[in-house]
Amino acid sequence: MKHHVNSWSFEKWMGPLTYVEWDADASALTTSVEKHPERWGLAELIARLGAQGYSGIELAYPHLKDRSAEGLSELRRISALAEVELNSLLLDFGDPGTGDAARRDAEMALYREWIDAAAEAGFRRVRIGAGDGDDEASFARAAKTLSLLSAYAGNVGIRIVTENLGGMLSSSEQVLRMLSETGGSVGLTADFGNFKQDKYRQLEAILPQAETVHAKAREDGGGQLDSMDFRRCVELAGQAGYEGPLSLTYLGERDPWTALAEMRELAALKPAAVPRPL
């Protein structure tokens, strides 16, 4: 199985980072900056991933700081040189289910700009969350927005995927319903760490639909990786027939390179018998 890396693993190592936000008072999109140190830039990260045998990256949008034509061309070049696939561009802003028409229009325009940038750089996918709404109207709006974005993205060779992320898709039932409502036009990224309750049963339900997997490892109380939980999630993916890469994701306080190496070793272990969830 191939191993990719989710660049959120280096969130605090690649600053400063600019995040997109909605200012409800001004009825406009705005940005905020987190002043993390910049230990290395995107080119250095991709080169090191390739040198260490990682075959792809899922890139958090704040890490793509240069969306000029020259910058995107350079990203395409360095990823090809390092033999690191640009699998997904992760857009962690916006609310596709919003009832605010001004917000929806502004975010749709920005989503399209990022989709165009992803296509120019050579990404295969763009991941967009469905939002935090919890009512039928929000769900219907999110399904329509994701479907419209999928149609737009298809014209430039990009696949739109969503994720078991945020309030709207916080259960496997809602995830599967969204995939059904969008008629197969929207794919799925399954994240090991996002379900808060009945985790293994819910992962078992959605993993057969996953196109990409965020193999997120949680830590035990002593700051070490919870190897039993991580192995069980990996084995559930295998049992579901998932054959794509695992995008290793570490969000703890340890050195991310060390943690990612441990996760890769755990993921490579031969499957063991896993009891089915109750």
Protein backbone atom coordinates (compact mmCIF):
# COMPACT_ATOMS: atom_id res chain seq x y z
CA MET A 1 0.00 0.00 0.00
CA LYS A 2 1.28 3.47 -0.90
CA HIS A 3 1.67 6.13 1.75
CA HIS A 4 0.86 9.77 1.22
CA VAL A 5 1.10 12.56 3.79
CA ASN A 6 -1.50 15.11 4.81
CA SER A 7 0.28 18.45 5.09
CA TRP A 8 -1.82 19.40 8.11
CA SER A 9 0.76 17.24 9.90
CA PHE A 10 3.11 20.22 9.46
CA GLU A 11 0.61 22.97 10.30
CA LYS A 12 2.90 24.57 12.89
CA TRP A 13 6.06 24.14 10.81
CA MET A 14 5.11 26.02 7.63
CA GLY A 15 3.91 29.39 8.81
CA PRO A 16 2.84 32.04 8.69
CA LEU A 17 -0.50 30.63 7.53
CA THR A 18 -3.42 32.58 6.07
CA TYR A 19 -6.93 31.29 6.74
CA VAL A 20 -10.14 32.32 4.98
CA GLU A 21 -13.06 33.36 7.20
CA TRP A 22 -16.53 34.81 6.79
CA ASP A 23 -17.17 38.16 8.48
CA ALA A 24 -20.90 38.16 9.10
CA ASP A 25 -20.94 41.80 10.23
CA ALA A 26 -19.25 42.99 7.05
CA SER A 27 -20.97 40.34 4.91
CA ALA A 28 -17.65 39.59 3.24
CA LEU A 29 -14.84 37.09 3.13
CA THR A 30 -11.78 38.03 5.14
CA THR A 31 -8.51 36.43 6.18
CA SER A 32 -6.60 35.89 9.39
CA VAL A 33 -2.94 34.99 9.85
CA GLU A 34 -1.39 32.55 12.30
CA LYS A 35 2.28 33.38 12.81
CA HIS A 36 3.83 29.92 13.01
CA PRO A 37 7.55 29.70 12.19
CA GLU A 38 8.53 28.60 8.69
CA ARG A 39 10.93 25.71 9.18
CA TRP A 40 10.61 24.87 5.50
CA GLY A 41 8.62 25.84 2.49
CA LEU A 42 6.40 23.74 0.28
CA ALA A 43 9.16 22.88 -2.20
CA GLU A 44 11.37 21.60 0.62
CA LEU A 45 8.52 19.57 2.11
CA ILE A 46 7.73 17.87 -1.20
CA ALA A 47 11.40 17.13 -1.87
CA ARG A 48 11.81 15.56 1.55
CA LEU A 49 8.61 13.50 1.17
CA GLY A 50 9.93 12.09 -2.08
CA ALA A 51 13.34 11.38 -0.59
CA GLN A 52 11.73 9.46 2.26
CA GLY A 53 9.61 7.33 -0.04
CA TYR A 54 6.21 8.99 0.39
CA SER A 55 4.43 8.89 -2.94
CA GLY A 56 1.88 11.67 -2.56
CA ILE A 57 0.55 14.62 -0.60
CA GLU A 58 -2.82 16.01 0.39
CA LEU A 59 -2.15 19.71 0.68
CA ALA A 60 -3.88 22.04 3.15
CA TYR A 61 -4.82 25.24 1.35
CA PRO A 62 -2.86 27.61 3.68
CA HIS A 63 0.30 25.77 2.62
CA LEU A 64 -0.27 26.77 -1.01
CA LYS A 65 0.89 30.34 -0.61
CA ASP A 66 1.66 31.14 -4.25
CA ARG A 67 -1.27 30.76 -6.64
CA SER A 68 0.30 32.73 -9.44
CA ALA A 69 0.68 30.97 -12.79
CA GLU A 70 4.42 30.75 -12.17
CA GLY A 71 3.96 29.38 -8.66
CA LEU A 72 1.49 26.70 -9.74
CA SER A 73 3.72 25.68 -12.65
CA GLU A 74 6.63 25.35 -10.23
CA LEU A 75 4.56 23.21 -7.88
CA ARG A 76 3.71 20.90 -10.76
CA ARG A 77 7.39 20.72 -11.69
CA ILE A 78 8.77 20.00 -8.23
CA SER A 79 6.13 17.38 -7.46
CA ALA A 80 6.93 15.57 -10.71
CA LEU A 81 10.65 15.80 -10.00
CA ALA A 82 10.18 14.36 -6.49
CA GLU A 83 7.68 11.77 -7.76
CA VAL A 84 5.15 12.96 -5.19
CA GLU A 85 1.57 12.90 -6.49
CA LEU A 86 -0.62 15.93 -5.81
CA ASN A 87 -3.58 13.89 -4.65
CA SER A 88 -5.95 16.37 -3.02
CA LEU A 89 -6.09 20.07 -2.25
CA LEU A 90 -7.89 20.46 1.08
CA LEU A 91 -10.17 23.50 1.28
CA ASP A 92 -11.06 23.95 4.95
CA PHE A 93 -13.15 27.07 4.65
CA GLY A 94 -16.73 27.91 3.79
CA ASP A 95 -20.15 26.46 4.45
CA PRO A 96 -21.80 24.92 1.38
CA GLY A 97 -25.09 24.65 3.30
CA THR A 98 -25.31 28.29 4.35
CA GLY A 99 -28.61 30.09 4.00
CA ASP A 100 -26.85 33.44 3.56
CA ALA A 101 -27.02 34.15 -0.17
CA ALA A 102 -24.19 36.70 -0.10
CA ARG A 103 -21.93 34.26 1.70
CA ARG A 104 -22.84 31.43 -0.66
CA ASP A 105 -22.07 33.53 -3.75
CA ALA A 106 -18.75 34.76 -2.36
CA GLU A 107 -17.64 31.30 -1.30
CA MET A 108 -18.71 29.71 -4.57
CA ALA A 109 -16.55 32.21 -6.45
CA LEU A 110 -13.59 31.49 -4.17
CA TYR A 111 -14.06 27.72 -4.43
CA ARG A 112 -13.92 28.05 -8.21
CA GLU A 113 -10.68 30.04 -7.99
CA TRP A 114 -9.08 27.32 -5.87
CA ILE A 115 -10.39 24.57 -8.17
CA ASP A 116 -8.80 26.36 -11.13
CA ALA A 117 -5.53 26.63 -9.21
CA ALA A 118 -5.67 22.93 -8.31
CA ALA A 119 -6.14 22.01 -11.96
CA GLU A 120 -3.26 24.22 -13.07
CA ALA A 121 -0.93 22.70 -10.48
CA GLY A 122 -1.89 19.15 -11.38
CA PHE A 123 -3.97 18.00 -8.43
CA ARG A 124 -6.39 15.12 -8.92
CA ARG A 125 -8.97 16.18 -6.35
CA VAL A 126 -10.27 19.06 -4.26
CA ARG A 127 -11.79 18.22 -0.89
CA ILE A 128 -14.60 20.46 0.39
CA GLY A 129 -16.46 19.88 3.66
CA ALA A 130 -20.25 19.99 3.71
CA GLY A 131 -20.47 22.46 6.60
CA ASP A 132 -22.00 22.44 10.06
CA GLY A 133 -25.72 22.77 9.36
CA ASP A 134 -28.04 20.32 11.10
CA ASP A 135 -31.38 20.79 9.33
CA GLU A 136 -32.92 19.56 6.10
CA ALA A 137 -32.68 22.89 4.32
CA SER A 138 -28.94 23.16 5.04
CA PHE A 139 -28.40 19.60 3.86
CA ALA A 140 -30.24 20.26 0.59
CA ARG A 141 -28.25 23.46 -0.04
CA ALA A 142 -24.96 21.68 0.68
CA ALA A 143 -25.81 18.84 -1.68
CA LYS A 144 -26.70 21.32 -4.42
CA THR A 145 -23.54 23.39 -3.87
CA LEU A 146 -21.27 20.35 -3.92
CA SER A 147 -22.98 19.07 -7.07
CA LEU A 148 -22.54 22.42 -8.83
CA LEU A 149 -18.88 22.55 -7.82
CA SER A 150 -18.40 19.01 -9.05
CA ALA A 151 -19.79 19.93 -12.46
CA TYR A 152 -17.51 22.97 -12.62
CA ALA A 153 -14.47 20.98 -11.48
CA GLY A 154 -15.13 18.21 -13.97
CA ASN A 155 -14.58 20.65 -16.80
CA VAL A 156 -10.98 21.20 -15.66
CA GLY A 157 -10.23 17.57 -14.78
CA ILE A 158 -10.75 17.80 -11.00
CA ARG A 159 -12.75 15.41 -8.85
CA ILE A 160 -14.63 16.96 -5.91
CA VAL A 161 -14.68 14.92 -2.71
CA THR A 162 -16.18 15.64 0.68
CA GLU A 163 -15.34 14.15 4.07
CA ASN A 164 -16.83 12.88 7.32
CA LEU A 165 -16.04 16.32 8.67
CA GLY A 166 -18.05 19.00 10.45
CA GLY A 167 -21.49 18.91 11.96
CA MET A 168 -23.44 18.01 8.85
CA LEU A 169 -21.48 14.84 8.06
CA SER A 170 -20.74 13.82 11.63
CA SER A 171 -22.45 10.44 11.23
CA SER A 172 -22.00 7.65 8.72
CA GLU A 173 -25.70 7.84 7.86
CA GLN A 174 -25.38 11.48 6.83
CA VAL A 175 -22.20 10.79 4.88
CA LEU A 176 -23.83 8.03 2.85
CA ARG A 177 -26.93 10.13 2.35
CA MET A 178 -24.84 13.00 0.94
CA LEU A 179 -23.11 10.67 -1.50
CA SER A 180 -26.52 9.41 -2.59
CA GLU A 181 -28.05 12.89 -2.88
CA THR A 182 -25.18 14.05 -5.10
CA GLY A 183 -25.68 11.05 -7.38
CA GLY A 184 -22.08 9.88 -7.44
CA SER A 185 -20.81 13.23 -8.66
CA VAL A 186 -19.04 13.81 -5.33
CA GLY A 187 -16.54 11.37 -3.88
CA LEU A 188 -15.48 10.68 -0.31
CA THR A 189 -12.43 11.13 1.85
CA ALA A 190 -12.76 8.97 4.97
CA ASP A 191 -10.92 10.23 8.06
CA PHE A 192 -10.04 7.77 10.83
CA GLY A 193 -10.27 10.40 13.54
CA ASN A 194 -13.41 12.42 12.89
CA PHE A 195 -16.23 10.25 14.21
CA LYS A 196 -16.68 11.00 17.90
CA GLN A 197 -18.98 8.11 18.81
CA ASP A 198 -19.22 4.48 17.73
CA LYS A 199 -16.17 5.11 15.59
CA TYR A 200 -15.40 1.64 14.23
CA ARG A 201 -18.97 0.83 13.19
CA GLN A 202 -19.25 4.16 11.40
CA LEU A 203 -15.92 3.79 9.64
CA GLU A 204 -16.91 0.30 8.56
CA ALA A 205 -20.03 1.81 6.96
CA ILE A 206 -18.29 4.53 4.93
CA LEU A 207 -14.90 3.03 4.04
CA PRO A 208 -16.29 1.01 1.09
CA GLN A 209 -17.15 4.38 -0.53
CA ALA A 210 -13.80 6.07 0.17
CA GLU A 211 -11.60 7.35 -2.67
CA THR A 212 -8.97 8.67 -0.28
CA VAL A 213 -8.29 7.96 3.38
CA HIS A 214 -6.88 10.28 6.01
CA ALA A 215 -5.09 7.77 8.22
CA LYS A 216 -5.08 9.86 11.35
CA ALA A 217 -3.43 8.47 14.47
CA ARG A 218 -4.55 9.54 17.90
CA GLU A 219 -2.26 9.56 20.91
CA ASP A 220 -2.63 7.74 24.19
CA GLY A 221 -2.45 9.55 27.51
CA GLY A 222 1.35 9.35 27.51
CA GLY A 223 1.87 11.18 24.23
CA GLN A 224 2.56 8.01 22.23
CA LEU A 225 0.64 6.83 19.19
CA ASP A 226 -2.36 4.65 20.00
CA SER A 227 -1.11 1.75 17.90
CA MET A 228 -4.07 -0.54 18.59
CA ASP A 229 -6.60 2.05 17.43
CA PHE A 230 -4.56 2.95 14.35
CA ARG A 231 -4.05 -0.68 13.34
CA ARG A 232 -7.73 -1.42 13.75
CA CYS A 233 -8.65 1.49 11.49
CA VAL A 234 -6.12 0.39 8.86
CA GLU A 235 -7.49 -3.14 8.94
CA LEU A 236 -11.05 -1.87 8.59
CA ALA A 237 -9.95 -0.04 5.44
CA GLY A 238 -8.45 -3.26 4.10
CA GLN A 239 -11.55 -5.25 4.94
CA ALA A 240 -13.65 -2.65 3.08
CA GLY A 241 -11.60 -3.28 -0.06
CA TYR A 242 -9.82 0.07 -0.02
CA GLU A 243 -6.75 -0.16 -2.24
CA GLY A 244 -5.74 3.48 -2.50
CA PRO A 245 -2.98 5.26 -0.60
CA LEU A 246 -3.18 6.03 3.10
CA SER A 247 -2.68 9.74 3.67
CA LEU A 248 -0.89 9.71 7.02
CA THR A 249 -2.08 12.50 9.31
CA TYR A 250 -0.46 13.48 12.60
CA LEU A 251 -1.81 16.41 14.62
CA GLY A 252 0.11 16.00 17.86
CA GLU A 253 2.97 17.93 19.45
CA ARG A 254 5.83 15.53 18.68
CA ASP A 255 8.21 15.79 15.73
CA PRO A 256 5.92 15.02 12.78
CA TRP A 257 8.58 13.19 10.76
CA THR A 258 9.15 10.74 13.61
CA ALA A 259 5.43 10.20 14.15
CA LEU A 260 4.76 9.71 10.43
CA ALA A 261 7.55 7.13 10.21
CA GLU A 262 5.98 5.22 13.12
CA MET A 263 2.57 5.36 11.45
CA ARG A 264 4.01 4.05 8.19
CA GLU A 265 5.54 1.11 10.04
CA LEU A 266 2.26 0.37 11.82
CA ALA A 267 0.30 0.57 8.56
CA ALA A 268 2.68 -1.91 6.93
CA LEU A 269 2.17 -4.62 9.56
CA LYS A 270 0.39 -7.75 8.42
CA PRO A 271 -3.33 -7.72 9.26
CA ALA A 272 -4.36 -9.33 12.50
CA ALA A 273 -7.74 -10.66 13.48
CA VAL A 274 -9.91 -7.68 14.40
CA PRO A 275 -13.06 -8.23 16.46
CA ARG A 276 -16.12 -6.77 14.88
CA PRO A 277 -17.62 -3.75 16.66
CA LEU A 278 -20.51 -4.42 18.99
